[in-house]
PDB file of N, CA and C in Angstrom:
ATOM      1  N   MET A   1       3.517  -4.301  15.684  1.00  0.00           N
ATOM      2  CA  MET A   1       3.087  -3.821  14.383  1.00  0.00           C
ATOM      3  C   MET A   1       2.766  -5.040  13.528  1.00  0.00           C
ATOM      4  N   GLY A   2       1.645  -4.984  12.829  1.00  0.00           N
ATOM      5  CA  GLY A   2       1.270  -6.084  11.961  1.00  0.00           C
ATOM      6  C   GLY A   2       0.558  -5.574  10.717  1.00  0.00           C
ATOM      7  N   VAL A   3       0.534  -6.403   9.694  1.00  0.00           N
ATOM      8  CA  VAL A   3      -0.139  -6.061   8.439  1.00  0.00           C
ATOM      9  C   VAL A   3      -1.003  -7.244   8.049  1.00  0.00           C
ATOM     10  N   ARG A   4      -2.248  -6.966   7.654  1.00  0.00           N
ATOM     11  CA  ARG A   4      -3.162  -8.041   7.263  1.00  0.00           C
ATOM     12  C   ARG A   4      -3.946  -7.648   6.003  1.00  0.00           C
ATOM     13  N   ASP A   5      -4.600  -8.638   5.423  1.00  0.00           N
ATOM     14  CA  ASP A   5      -5.511  -8.455   4.281  1.00  0.00           C
ATOM     15  C   ASP A   5      -4.840  -7.778   3.072  1.00  0.00           C
ATOM     16  N   ALA A   6      -3.594  -8.146   2.794  1.00  0.00           N
ATOM     17  CA  ALA A   6      -2.867  -7.526   1.682  1.00  0.00           C
ATOM     18  C   ALA A   6      -3.265  -8.150   0.350  1.00  0.00           C
ATOM     19  N   TRP A   7      -3.552  -7.283  -0.636  1.00  0.00           N
ATOM     20  CA  TRP A   7      -3.829  -7.756  -1.986  1.00  0.00           C
ATOM     21  C   TRP A   7      -3.452  -6.675  -2.992  1.00  0.00           C
ATOM     22  N   VAL A   8      -3.264  -7.107  -4.235  1.00  0.00           N
ATOM     23  CA  VAL A   8      -2.848  -6.242  -5.333  1.00  0.00           C
ATOM     24  C   VAL A   8      -3.784  -6.499  -6.507  1.00  0.00           C
ATOM     25  N   ARG A   9      -4.198  -5.430  -7.184  1.00  0.00           N
ATOM     26  CA  ARG A   9      -5.013  -5.590  -8.393  1.00  0.00           C
ATOM     27  C   ARG A   9      -4.158  -6.161  -9.530  1.00  0.00           C
ATOM     28  N   VAL A  10      -4.782  -6.909 -10.426  1.00  0.00           N
ATOM     29  CA  VAL A  10      -4.096  -7.384 -11.624  1.00  0.00           C
ATOM     30  C   VAL A  10      -3.598  -6.147 -12.382  1.00  0.00           C
ATOM     31  N   PRO A  11      -2.309  -6.086 -12.747  1.00  0.00           N
ATOM     32  CA  PRO A  11      -1.774  -4.912 -13.426  1.00  0.00           C
ATOM     33  C   PRO A  11      -2.359  -4.724 -14.829  1.00  0.00           C
ATOM     34  N   LEU A  12      -2.449  -3.468 -15.227  1.00  0.00           N
ATOM     35  CA  LEU A  12      -2.864  -3.105 -16.570  1.00  0.00           C
ATOM     36  C   LEU A  12      -1.872  -2.066 -17.073  1.00  0.00           C
ATOM     37  N   GLY A  13      -1.117  -2.411 -18.097  1.00  0.00           N
ATOM     38  CA  GLY A  13      -0.125  -1.487 -18.622  1.00  0.00           C
ATOM     39  C   GLY A  13       0.954  -1.146 -17.617  1.00  0.00           C
ATOM     40  N   GLY A  14       1.276  -2.079 -16.738  1.00  0.00           N
ATOM     41  CA  GLY A  14       2.327  -1.866 -15.755  1.00  0.00           C
ATOM     42  C   GLY A  14       1.883  -1.120 -14.507  1.00  0.00           C
ATOM     43  N   LEU A  15       0.611  -0.695 -14.469  1.00  0.00           N
ATOM     44  CA  LEU A  15       0.095   0.028 -13.305  1.00  0.00           C
ATOM     45  C   LEU A  15      -0.822  -0.858 -12.480  1.00  0.00           C
ATOM     46  N   THR A  16      -0.727  -0.704 -11.178  1.00  0.00           N
ATOM     47  CA  THR A  16      -1.632  -1.409 -10.288  1.00  0.00           C
ATOM     48  C   THR A  16      -1.672  -0.675  -8.959  1.00  0.00           C
ATOM     49  N   ALA A  17      -2.456  -1.188  -8.042  1.00  0.00           N
ATOM     50  CA  ALA A  17      -2.534  -0.625  -6.698  1.00  0.00           C
ATOM     51  C   ALA A  17      -2.537  -1.766  -5.698  1.00  0.00           C
ATOM     52  N   ALA A  18      -2.016  -1.480  -4.509  1.00  0.00           N
ATOM     53  CA  ALA A  18      -1.984  -2.470  -3.433  1.00  0.00           C
ATOM     54  C   ALA A  18      -2.762  -1.927  -2.245  1.00  0.00           C
ATOM     55  N   TYR A  19      -3.400  -2.858  -1.548  1.00  0.00           N
ATOM     56  CA  TYR A  19      -4.251  -2.511  -0.418  1.00  0.00           C
ATOM     57  C   TYR A  19      -3.932  -3.437   0.748  1.00  0.00           C
ATOM     58  N   PHE A  20      -4.046  -2.929   1.979  1.00  0.00           N
ATOM     59  CA  PHE A  20      -3.762  -3.711   3.171  1.00  0.00           C
ATOM     60  C   PHE A  20      -4.161  -2.902   4.390  1.00  0.00           C
ATOM     61  N   VAL A  21      -4.099  -3.537   5.548  1.00  0.00           N
ATOM     62  CA  VAL A  21      -4.382  -2.870   6.812  1.00  0.00           C
ATOM     63  C   VAL A  21      -3.148  -2.993   7.701  1.00  0.00           C
ATOM     64  N   ILE A  22      -2.684  -1.858   8.208  1.00  0.00           N
ATOM     65  CA  ILE A  22      -1.572  -1.836   9.161  1.00  0.00           C
ATOM     66  C   ILE A  22      -2.176  -1.683  10.552  1.00  0.00           C
ATOM     67  N   GLU A  23      -1.776  -2.545  11.462  1.00  0.00           N
ATOM     68  CA  GLU A  23      -2.250  -2.458  12.843  1.00  0.00           C
ATOM     69  C   GLU A  23      -1.073  -2.173  13.762  1.00  0.00           C
ATOM     70  N   ASN A  24      -1.131  -1.036  14.411  1.00  0.00           N
ATOM     71  CA  ASN A  24      -0.074  -0.670  15.344  1.00  0.00           C
ATOM     72  C   ASN A  24      -0.579  -0.934  16.762  1.00  0.00           C
ATOM     73  N   GLY A  25      -0.322  -2.124  17.254  1.00  0.00           N
ATOM     74  CA  GLY A  25      -0.741  -2.506  18.586  1.00  0.00           C
ATOM     75  C   GLY A  25       0.263  -2.119  19.652  1.00  0.00           C
ATOM     76  N   THR A  26       1.255  -1.331  19.277  1.00  0.00           N
ATOM     77  CA  THR A  26       2.289  -0.919  20.230  1.00  0.00           C
ATOM     78  C   THR A  26       1.888   0.391  20.900  1.00  0.00           C
ATOM     79  N   GLY A  27       2.666   0.810  21.843  1.00  0.00           N
ATOM     80  CA  GLY A  27       2.450   2.086  22.522  1.00  0.00           C
ATOM     81  C   GLY A  27       3.242   3.215  21.899  1.00  0.00           C
ATOM     82  N   GLN A  28       3.821   2.978  20.716  1.00  0.00           N
ATOM     83  CA  GLN A  28       4.677   3.974  20.079  1.00  0.00           C
ATOM     84  C   GLN A  28       4.144   4.336  18.701  1.00  0.00           C
ATOM     85  N   ASP A  29       4.021   5.634  18.429  1.00  0.00           N
ATOM     86  CA  ASP A  29       3.674   6.077  17.088  1.00  0.00           C
ATOM     87  C   ASP A  29       4.760   5.613  16.120  1.00  0.00           C
ATOM     88  N   ASP A  30       4.378   5.344  14.887  1.00  0.00           N
ATOM     89  CA  ASP A  30       5.350   4.932  13.881  1.00  0.00           C
ATOM     90  C   ASP A  30       4.996   5.623  12.575  1.00  0.00           C
ATOM     91  N   VAL A  31       5.852   5.460  11.583  1.00  0.00           N
ATOM     92  CA  VAL A  31       5.649   6.065  10.272  1.00  0.00           C
ATOM     93  C   VAL A  31       6.051   5.055   9.207  1.00  0.00           C
ATOM     94  N   LEU A  32       5.150   4.795   8.266  1.00  0.00           N
ATOM     95  CA  LEU A  32       5.487   4.003   7.083  1.00  0.00           C
ATOM     96  C   LEU A  32       6.154   4.970   6.127  1.00  0.00           C
ATOM     97  N   ASP A  33       7.465   4.788   5.915  1.00  0.00           N
ATOM     98  CA  ASP A  33       8.201   5.780   5.138  1.00  0.00           C
ATOM     99  C   ASP A  33       8.881   5.227   3.892  1.00  0.00           C
ATOM    100  N   GLY A  34       8.588   3.963   3.541  1.00  0.00           N
ATOM    101  CA  GLY A  34       9.158   3.426   2.316  1.00  0.00           C
ATOM    102  C   GLY A  34       8.598   2.064   1.978  1.00  0.00           C
ATOM    103  N   VAL A  35       8.732   1.711   0.701  1.00  0.00           N
ATOM    104  CA  VAL A  35       8.260   0.416   0.202  1.00  0.00           C
ATOM    105  C   VAL A  35       9.253  -0.090  -0.821  1.00  0.00           C
ATOM    106  N   THR A  36       9.549  -1.386  -0.766  1.00  0.00           N
ATOM    107  CA  THR A  36      10.369  -2.034  -1.774  1.00  0.00           C
ATOM    108  C   THR A  36       9.565  -3.182  -2.370  1.00  0.00           C
ATOM    109  N   LEU A  37       9.634  -3.336  -3.683  1.00  0.00           N
ATOM    110  CA  LEU A  37       8.953  -4.418  -4.387  1.00  0.00           C
ATOM    111  C   LEU A  37      10.008  -5.313  -5.023  1.00  0.00           C
ATOM    112  N   PRO A  38      10.419  -6.389  -4.327  1.00  0.00           N
ATOM    113  CA  PRO A  38      11.473  -7.255  -4.857  1.00  0.00           C
ATOM    114  C   PRO A  38      11.156  -7.834  -6.234  1.00  0.00           C
ATOM    115  N   GLY A  39       9.871  -7.979  -6.580  1.00  0.00           N
ATOM    116  CA  GLY A  39       9.487  -8.530  -7.875  1.00  0.00           C
ATOM    117  C   GLY A  39       9.519  -7.525  -9.004  1.00  0.00           C
ATOM    118  N   GLY A  40       9.815  -6.271  -8.693  1.00  0.00           N
ATOM    119  CA  GLY A  40       9.888  -5.231  -9.716  1.00  0.00           C
ATOM    120  C   GLY A  40       8.818  -4.181  -9.539  1.00  0.00           C
ATOM    121  N   GLY A  41       9.125  -2.981  -9.972  1.00  0.00           N
ATOM    122  CA  GLY A  41       8.194  -1.871  -9.904  1.00  0.00           C
ATOM    123  C   GLY A  41       8.585  -0.876  -8.827  1.00  0.00           C
ATOM    124  N   ALA A  42       7.976   0.290  -8.926  1.00  0.00           N
ATOM    125  CA  ALA A  42       8.187   1.358  -7.958  1.00  0.00           C
ATOM    126  C   ALA A  42       6.851   1.680  -7.305  1.00  0.00           C
ATOM    127  N   ALA A  43       6.875   1.917  -6.005  1.00  0.00           N
ATOM    128  CA  ALA A  43       5.633   2.158  -5.273  1.00  0.00           C
ATOM    129  C   ALA A  43       5.625   3.549  -4.657  1.00  0.00           C
ATOM    130  N   MET A  44       4.434   4.154  -4.639  1.00  0.00           N
ATOM    131  CA  MET A  44       4.235   5.474  -4.050  1.00  0.00           C
ATOM    132  C   MET A  44       2.955   5.465  -3.228  1.00  0.00           C
ATOM    133  N   PHE A  45       2.986   6.193  -2.125  1.00  0.00           N
ATOM    134  CA  PHE A  45       1.784   6.346  -1.312  1.00  0.00           C
ATOM    135  C   PHE A  45       0.899   7.411  -1.955  1.00  0.00           C
ATOM    136  N   HIS A  46      -0.362   7.086  -2.162  1.00  0.00           N
ATOM    137  CA  HIS A  46      -1.325   8.037  -2.718  1.00  0.00           C
ATOM    138  C   HIS A  46      -2.568   8.047  -1.856  1.00  0.00           C
ATOM    139  N   GLU A  47      -3.250   9.182  -1.862  1.00  0.00           N
ATOM    140  CA  GLU A  47      -4.545   9.279  -1.196  1.00  0.00           C
ATOM    141  C   GLU A  47      -5.527   9.924  -2.155  1.00  0.00           C
ATOM    142  N   THR A  48      -6.675   9.291  -2.326  1.00  0.00           N
ATOM    143  CA  THR A  48      -7.727   9.841  -3.168  1.00  0.00           C
ATOM    144  C   THR A  48      -8.441  10.920  -2.366  1.00  0.00           C
ATOM    145  N   THR A  49      -8.638  12.071  -2.992  1.00  0.00           N
ATOM    146  CA  THR A  49      -9.305  13.191  -2.333  1.00  0.00           C
ATOM    147  C   THR A  49     -10.446  13.694  -3.203  1.00  0.00           C
ATOM    148  N   THR A  50     -11.414  14.334  -2.580  1.00  0.00           N
ATOM    149  CA  THR A  50     -12.518  14.969  -3.288  1.00  0.00           C
ATOM    150  C   THR A  50     -12.650  16.384  -2.748  1.00  0.00           C
ATOM    151  N   ASP A  51     -12.627  17.377  -3.668  1.00  0.00           N
ATOM    152  CA  ASP A  51     -12.732  18.761  -3.210  1.00  0.00           C
ATOM    153  C   ASP A  51     -14.201  19.159  -3.054  1.00  0.00           C
ATOM    154  N   THR A  52     -14.432  20.388  -2.649  1.00  0.00           N
ATOM    155  CA  THR A  52     -15.790  20.858  -2.353  1.00  0.00           C
ATOM    156  C   THR A  52     -16.696  20.879  -3.576  1.00  0.00           C
ATOM    157  N   SER A  53     -16.112  20.910  -4.776  1.00  0.00           N
ATOM    158  CA  SER A  53     -16.927  20.900  -5.994  1.00  0.00           C
ATOM    159  C   SER A  53     -17.203  19.481  -6.488  1.00  0.00           C
ATOM    160  N   GLY A  54     -16.667  18.484  -5.779  1.00  0.00           N
ATOM    161  CA  GLY A  54     -16.899  17.098  -6.155  1.00  0.00           C
ATOM    162  C   GLY A  54     -15.837  16.498  -7.058  1.00  0.00           C
ATOM    163  N   MET A  55     -14.810  17.266  -7.390  1.00  0.00           N
ATOM    164  CA  MET A  55     -13.715  16.754  -8.222  1.00  0.00           C
ATOM    165  C   MET A  55     -12.840  15.809  -7.400  1.00  0.00           C
ATOM    166  N   THR A  56     -12.571  14.640  -7.976  1.00  0.00           N
ATOM    167  CA  THR A  56     -11.744  13.637  -7.307  1.00  0.00           C
ATOM    168  C   THR A  56     -10.366  13.617  -7.939  1.00  0.00           C
ATOM    169  N   GLY A  57      -9.354  13.460  -7.106  1.00  0.00           N
ATOM    170  CA  GLY A  57      -7.981  13.379  -7.590  1.00  0.00           C
ATOM    171  C   GLY A  57      -7.142  12.580  -6.611  1.00  0.00           C
ATOM    172  N   MET A  58      -5.855  12.499  -6.900  1.00  0.00           N
ATOM    173  CA  MET A  58      -4.936  11.782  -6.015  1.00  0.00           C
ATOM    174  C   MET A  58      -3.811  12.715  -5.588  1.00  0.00           C
ATOM    175  N   VAL A  59      -3.423  12.567  -4.342  1.00  0.00           N
ATOM    176  CA  VAL A  59      -2.312  13.315  -3.782  1.00  0.00           C
ATOM    177  C   VAL A  59      -1.236  12.311  -3.387  1.00  0.00           C
ATOM    178  N   MET A  60       0.007  12.573  -3.798  1.00  0.00           N
ATOM    179  CA  MET A  60       1.111  11.703  -3.417  1.00  0.00           C
ATOM    180  C   MET A  60       1.604  12.114  -2.030  1.00  0.00           C
ATOM    181  N   LEU A  61       1.875  11.114  -1.189  1.00  0.00           N
ATOM    182  CA  LEU A  61       2.366  11.350   0.159  1.00  0.00           C
ATOM    183  C   LEU A  61       3.790  10.818   0.290  1.00  0.00           C
ATOM    184  N   ASP A  62       4.608  11.501   1.083  1.00  0.00           N
ATOM    185  CA  ASP A  62       5.981  11.042   1.314  1.00  0.00           C
ATOM    186  C   ASP A  62       6.034   9.902   2.320  1.00  0.00           C
ATOM    187  N   ALA A  63       5.101   9.916   3.264  1.00  0.00           N
ATOM    188  CA  ALA A  63       5.070   8.914   4.318  1.00  0.00           C
ATOM    189  C   ALA A  63       3.653   8.848   4.887  1.00  0.00           C
ATOM    190  N   VAL A  64       3.389   7.784   5.655  1.00  0.00           N
ATOM    191  CA  VAL A  64       2.064   7.602   6.252  1.00  0.00           C
ATOM    192  C   VAL A  64       2.222   7.376   7.751  1.00  0.00           C
ATOM    193  N   PRO A  65       1.693   8.290   8.566  1.00  0.00           N
ATOM    194  CA  PRO A  65       1.764   8.092  10.012  1.00  0.00           C
ATOM    195  C   PRO A  65       0.886   6.921  10.446  1.00  0.00           C
ATOM    196  N   VAL A  66       1.373   6.170  11.430  1.00  0.00           N
ATOM    197  CA  VAL A  66       0.615   5.049  11.998  1.00  0.00           C
ATOM    198  C   VAL A  66       0.645   5.244  13.527  1.00  0.00           C
ATOM    199  N   PRO A  67      -0.335   5.989  14.047  1.00  0.00           N
ATOM    200  CA  PRO A  67      -0.334   6.284  15.475  1.00  0.00           C
ATOM    201  C   PRO A  67      -0.439   5.023  16.341  1.00  0.00           C
ATOM    202  N   ALA A  68       0.108   5.105  17.528  1.00  0.00           N
ATOM    203  CA  ALA A  68       0.065   3.987  18.479  1.00  0.00           C
ATOM    204  C   ALA A  68      -1.376   3.578  18.760  1.00  0.00           C
ATOM    205  N   GLY A  69      -1.608   2.263  18.814  1.00  0.00           N
ATOM    206  CA  GLY A  69      -2.918   1.736  19.172  1.00  0.00           C
ATOM    207  C   GLY A  69      -3.998   1.900  18.125  1.00  0.00           C
ATOM    208  N   THR A  70      -3.611   2.188  16.878  1.00  0.00           N
ATOM    209  CA  THR A  70      -4.607   2.377  15.822  1.00  0.00           C
ATOM    210  C   THR A  70      -4.303   1.469  14.635  1.00  0.00           C
ATOM    211  N   SER A  71      -5.206   1.496  13.665  1.00  0.00           N
ATOM    212  CA  SER A  71      -4.954   0.820  12.391  1.00  0.00           C
ATOM    213  C   SER A  71      -5.125   1.834  11.274  1.00  0.00           C
ATOM    214  N   VAL A  72      -4.399   1.611  10.193  1.00  0.00           N
ATOM    215  CA  VAL A  72      -4.483   2.451   9.005  1.00  0.00           C
ATOM    216  C   VAL A  72      -4.833   1.539   7.843  1.00  0.00           C
ATOM    217  N   THR A  73      -5.907   1.882   7.130  1.00  0.00           N
ATOM    218  CA  THR A  73      -6.397   1.035   6.045  1.00  0.00           C
ATOM    219  C   THR A  73      -6.049   1.636   4.695  1.00  0.00           C
ATOM    220  N   PHE A  74      -5.395   0.846   3.875  1.00  0.00           N
ATOM    221  CA  PHE A  74      -5.133   1.196   2.477  1.00  0.00           C
ATOM    222  C   PHE A  74      -6.244   0.530   1.678  1.00  0.00           C
ATOM    223  N   GLU A  75      -7.087   1.336   0.989  1.00  0.00           N
ATOM    224  CA  GLU A  75      -8.253   0.791   0.305  1.00  0.00           C
ATOM    225  C   GLU A  75      -8.573   1.605  -0.944  1.00  0.00           C
ATOM    226  N   ALA A  76      -9.329   0.995  -1.843  1.00  0.00           N
ATOM    227  CA  ALA A  76      -9.766   1.692  -3.049  1.00  0.00           C
ATOM    228  C   ALA A  76     -10.578   2.914  -2.649  1.00  0.00           C
ATOM    229  N   GLY A  77     -10.315   4.042  -3.311  1.00  0.00           N
ATOM    230  CA  GLY A  77     -11.037   5.267  -3.018  1.00  0.00           C
ATOM    231  C   GLY A  77     -10.503   6.027  -1.824  1.00  0.00           C
ATOM    232  N   GLY A  78      -9.383   5.579  -1.267  1.00  0.00           N
ATOM    233  CA  GLY A  78      -8.788   6.247  -0.110  1.00  0.00           C
ATOM    234  C   GLY A  78      -7.279   6.188  -0.203  1.00  0.00           C
ATOM    235  N   LEU A  79      -6.669   5.912   0.917  1.00  0.00           N
ATOM    236  CA  LEU A  79      -5.220   5.735   0.974  1.00  0.00           C
ATOM    237  C   LEU A  79      -4.878   4.428   0.269  1.00  0.00           C
ATOM    238  N   HIS A  80      -3.873   4.443  -0.611  1.00  0.00           N
ATOM    239  CA  HIS A  80      -3.493   3.226  -1.323  1.00  0.00           C
ATOM    240  C   HIS A  80      -2.039   3.325  -1.773  1.00  0.00           C
ATOM    241  N   LEU A  81      -1.510   2.203  -2.212  1.00  0.00           N
ATOM    242  CA  LEU A  81      -0.145   2.135  -2.707  1.00  0.00           C
ATOM    243  C   LEU A  81      -0.207   1.998  -4.219  1.00  0.00           C
ATOM    244  N   MET A  82       0.238   3.016  -4.949  1.00  0.00           N
ATOM    245  CA  MET A  82       0.286   2.944  -6.413  1.00  0.00           C
ATOM    246  C   MET A  82       1.590   2.280  -6.818  1.00  0.00           C
ATOM    247  N   VAL A  83       1.506   1.371  -7.783  1.00  0.00           N
ATOM    248  CA  VAL A  83       2.681   0.646  -8.250  1.00  0.00           C
ATOM    249  C   VAL A  83       2.830   0.863  -9.746  1.00  0.00           C
ATOM    250  N   GLU A  84       3.993   1.360 -10.141  1.00  0.00           N
ATOM    251  CA  GLU A  84       4.327   1.535 -11.556  1.00  0.00           C
ATOM    252  C   GLU A  84       5.402   0.522 -11.928  1.00  0.00           C
ATOM    253  N   GLY A  85       5.298  -0.027 -13.123  1.00  0.00           N
ATOM    254  CA  GLY A  85       6.302  -0.981 -13.584  1.00  0.00           C
ATOM    255  C   GLY A  85       6.063  -2.389 -13.096  1.00  0.00           C
ATOM    256  N   ALA A  86       4.829  -2.681 -12.684  1.00  0.00           N
ATOM    257  CA  ALA A  86       4.499  -4.052 -12.266  1.00  0.00           C
ATOM    258  C   ALA A  86       4.459  -4.953 -13.491  1.00  0.00           C
ATOM    259  N   PRO A  87       4.939  -6.175 -13.386  1.00  0.00           N
ATOM    260  CA  PRO A  87       4.919  -7.085 -14.536  1.00  0.00           C
ATOM    261  C   PRO A  87       3.482  -7.394 -14.967  1.00  0.00           C
ATOM    262  N   ASP A  88       3.183  -7.199 -16.241  1.00  0.00           N
ATOM    263  CA  ASP A  88       1.844  -7.505 -16.760  1.00  0.00           C
ATOM    264  C   ASP A  88       1.563  -9.000 -16.748  1.00  0.00           C
ATOM    265  N   SER A  89       2.585  -9.807 -16.489  1.00  0.00           N
ATOM    266  CA  SER A  89       2.390 -11.262 -16.430  1.00  0.00           C
ATOM    267  C   SER A  89       1.701 -11.699 -15.140  1.00  0.00           C
ATOM    268  N   LEU A  90       1.574 -10.790 -14.166  1.00  0.00           N
ATOM    269  CA  LEU A  90       0.893 -11.150 -12.924  1.00  0.00           C
ATOM    270  C   LEU A  90      -0.576 -11.426 -13.204  1.00  0.00           C
ATOM    271  N   ALA A  91      -1.071 -12.516 -12.655  1.00  0.00           N
ATOM    272  CA  ALA A  91      -2.459 -12.914 -12.884  1.00  0.00           C
ATOM    273  C   ALA A  91      -3.139 -13.175 -11.545  1.00  0.00           C
ATOM    274  N   ALA A  92      -4.462 -13.150 -11.570  1.00  0.00           N
ATOM    275  CA  ALA A  92      -5.232 -13.425 -10.361  1.00  0.00           C
ATOM    276  C   ALA A  92      -4.778 -14.754  -9.759  1.00  0.00           C
ATOM    277  N   GLY A  93      -4.573 -14.764  -8.464  1.00  0.00           N
ATOM    278  CA  GLY A  93      -4.118 -15.953  -7.755  1.00  0.00           C
ATOM    279  C   GLY A  93      -2.617 -15.967  -7.493  1.00  0.00           C
ATOM    280  N   ASP A  94      -1.851 -15.175  -8.265  1.00  0.00           N
ATOM    281  CA  ASP A  94      -0.413 -15.072  -8.002  1.00  0.00           C
ATOM    282  C   ASP A  94      -0.197 -14.371  -6.667  1.00  0.00           C
ATOM    283  N   ARG A  95       1.028 -14.441  -6.173  1.00  0.00           N
ATOM    284  CA  ARG A  95       1.384 -13.764  -4.925  1.00  0.00           C
ATOM    285  C   ARG A  95       2.627 -12.917  -5.178  1.00  0.00           C
ATOM    286  N   VAL A  96       2.654 -11.748  -4.552  1.00  0.00           N
ATOM    287  CA  VAL A  96       3.798 -10.845  -4.690  1.00  0.00           C
ATOM    288  C   VAL A  96       4.264 -10.409  -3.309  1.00  0.00           C
ATOM    289  N   GLU A  97       5.540 -10.124  -3.205  1.00  0.00           N
ATOM    290  CA  GLU A  97       6.118  -9.641  -1.958  1.00  0.00           C
ATOM    291  C   GLU A  97       6.151  -8.124  -1.963  1.00  0.00           C
ATOM    292  N   ILE A  98       5.735  -7.561  -0.842  1.00  0.00           N
ATOM    293  CA  ILE A  98       5.824  -6.119  -0.623  1.00  0.00           C
ATOM    294  C   ILE A  98       6.564  -5.923   0.694  1.00  0.00           C
ATOM    295  N   ASP A  99       7.660  -5.181   0.662  1.00  0.00           N
ATOM    296  CA  ASP A  99       8.437  -4.911   1.868  1.00  0.00           C
ATOM    297  C   ASP A  99       8.112  -3.497   2.346  1.00  0.00           C
ATOM    298  N   LEU A 100       7.452  -3.392   3.499  1.00  0.00           N
ATOM    299  CA  LEU A 100       7.050  -2.110   4.062  1.00  0.00           C
ATOM    300  C   LEU A 100       8.092  -1.674   5.081  1.00  0.00           C
ATOM    301  N   HIS A 101       8.592  -0.451   4.948  1.00  0.00           N
ATOM    302  CA  HIS A 101       9.660   0.056   5.806  1.00  0.00           C
ATOM    303  C   HIS A 101       9.095   1.106   6.771  1.00  0.00           C
ATOM    304  N   PHE A 102       9.236   0.814   8.058  1.00  0.00           N
ATOM    305  CA  PHE A 102       8.731   1.688   9.110  1.00  0.00           C
ATOM    306  C   PHE A 102       9.882   2.343   9.853  1.00  0.00           C
ATOM    307  N   GLU A 103       9.632   3.542  10.342  1.00  0.00           N
ATOM    308  CA  GLU A 103      10.648   4.293  11.070  1.00  0.00           C
ATOM    309  C   GLU A 103      11.117   3.536  12.317  1.00  0.00           C
ATOM    310  N   HIS A 104      10.198   2.935  13.071  1.00  0.00           N
ATOM    311  CA  HIS A 104      10.563   2.250  14.310  1.00  0.00           C
ATOM    312  C   HIS A 104      10.482   0.727  14.206  1.00  0.00           C
ATOM    313  N   ALA A 105       9.468   0.221  13.538  1.00  0.00           N
ATOM    314  CA  ALA A 105       9.263  -1.237  13.470  1.00  0.00           C
ATOM    315  C   ALA A 105      10.211  -1.918  12.493  1.00  0.00           C
ATOM    316  N   GLY A 106      10.912  -1.141  11.674  1.00  0.00           N
ATOM    317  CA  GLY A 106      11.799  -1.736  10.673  1.00  0.00           C
ATOM    318  C   GLY A 106      11.011  -2.208   9.468  1.00  0.00           C
ATOM    319  N   THR A 107      11.495  -3.249   8.827  1.00  0.00           N
ATOM    320  CA  THR A 107      10.870  -3.760   7.608  1.00  0.00           C
ATOM    321  C   THR A 107       9.938  -4.924   7.937  1.00  0.00           C
ATOM    322  N   ILE A 108       8.727  -4.832   7.415  1.00  0.00           N
ATOM    323  CA  ILE A 108       7.762  -5.925   7.525  1.00  0.00           C
ATOM    324  C   ILE A 108       7.511  -6.438   6.118  1.00  0.00           C
ATOM    325  N   VAL A 109       7.774  -7.733   5.915  1.00  0.00           N
ATOM    326  CA  VAL A 109       7.577  -8.358   4.610  1.00  0.00           C
ATOM    327  C   VAL A 109       6.157  -8.907   4.550  1.00  0.00           C
ATOM    328  N   VAL A 110       5.441  -8.493   3.501  1.00  0.00           N
ATOM    329  CA  VAL A 110       4.045  -8.875   3.329  1.00  0.00           C
ATOM    330  C   VAL A 110       3.904  -9.658   2.015  1.00  0.00           C
ATOM    331  N   THR A 111       3.130 -10.729   2.040  1.00  0.00           N
ATOM    332  CA  THR A 111       2.803 -11.442   0.819  1.00  0.00           C
ATOM    333  C   THR A 111       1.364 -11.081   0.451  1.00  0.00           C
ATOM    334  N   ALA A 112       1.189 -10.513  -0.738  1.00  0.00           N
ATOM    335  CA  ALA A 112      -0.122 -10.051  -1.180  1.00  0.00           C
ATOM    336  C   ALA A 112      -0.622 -10.907  -2.340  1.00  0.00           C
ATOM    337  N   GLU A 113      -1.896 -11.259  -2.297  1.00  0.00           N
ATOM    338  CA  GLU A 113      -2.516 -12.012  -3.384  1.00  0.00           C
ATOM    339  C   GLU A 113      -2.924 -11.050  -4.498  1.00  0.00           C
ATOM    340  N   VAL A 114      -2.695 -11.469  -5.736  1.00  0.00           N
ATOM    341  CA  VAL A 114      -3.131 -10.694  -6.889  1.00  0.00           C
ATOM    342  C   VAL A 114      -4.589 -11.051  -7.148  1.00  0.00           C
ATOM    343  N   ARG A 115      -5.433 -10.020  -7.286  1.00  0.00           N
ATOM    344  CA  ARG A 115      -6.876 -10.217  -7.506  1.00  0.00           C
ATOM    345  C   ARG A 115      -7.358  -9.383  -8.683  1.00  0.00           C
ATOM    346  N   GLN A 116      -8.474  -9.810  -9.255  1.00  0.00           N
ATOM    347  CA  GLN A 116      -9.105  -9.048 -10.335  1.00  0.00           C
ATOM    348  C   GLN A 116      -9.528  -7.678  -9.856  1.00  0.00           C
ATOM    349  N   GLY A 117      -9.928  -7.570  -8.627  1.00  0.00           N
ATOM    350  CA  GLY A 117     -10.323  -6.275  -8.072  1.00  0.00           C
ATOM    351  C   GLY A 117     -11.750  -6.036  -8.261  1.00  0.00           C
TER     352      GLY A 117
END
């Protein structure tokens, strides 16, 4: 299990989003079932959806499946990590730690660059 291309938008009013790619190169399905932000804030899995009338919204997810031999992309306009309570002092170029908790792989610590977005 690996994580690459992690980045976080510069927070605005304590809100931000994080994006990354999870690669499950193992032969075992896994589940991303938690996140810890040692630098502060609370994180939730969200997915942007669009209904048949074109209305866009977000749905909160309890966990994210990561099937064996696949990758799951967290990106703007799709699956993403919403962060509430992020320090507004974070600026472009800073780095933040995100601890991703998996059912089988355990905890993977990711360092994400803060970007303007």
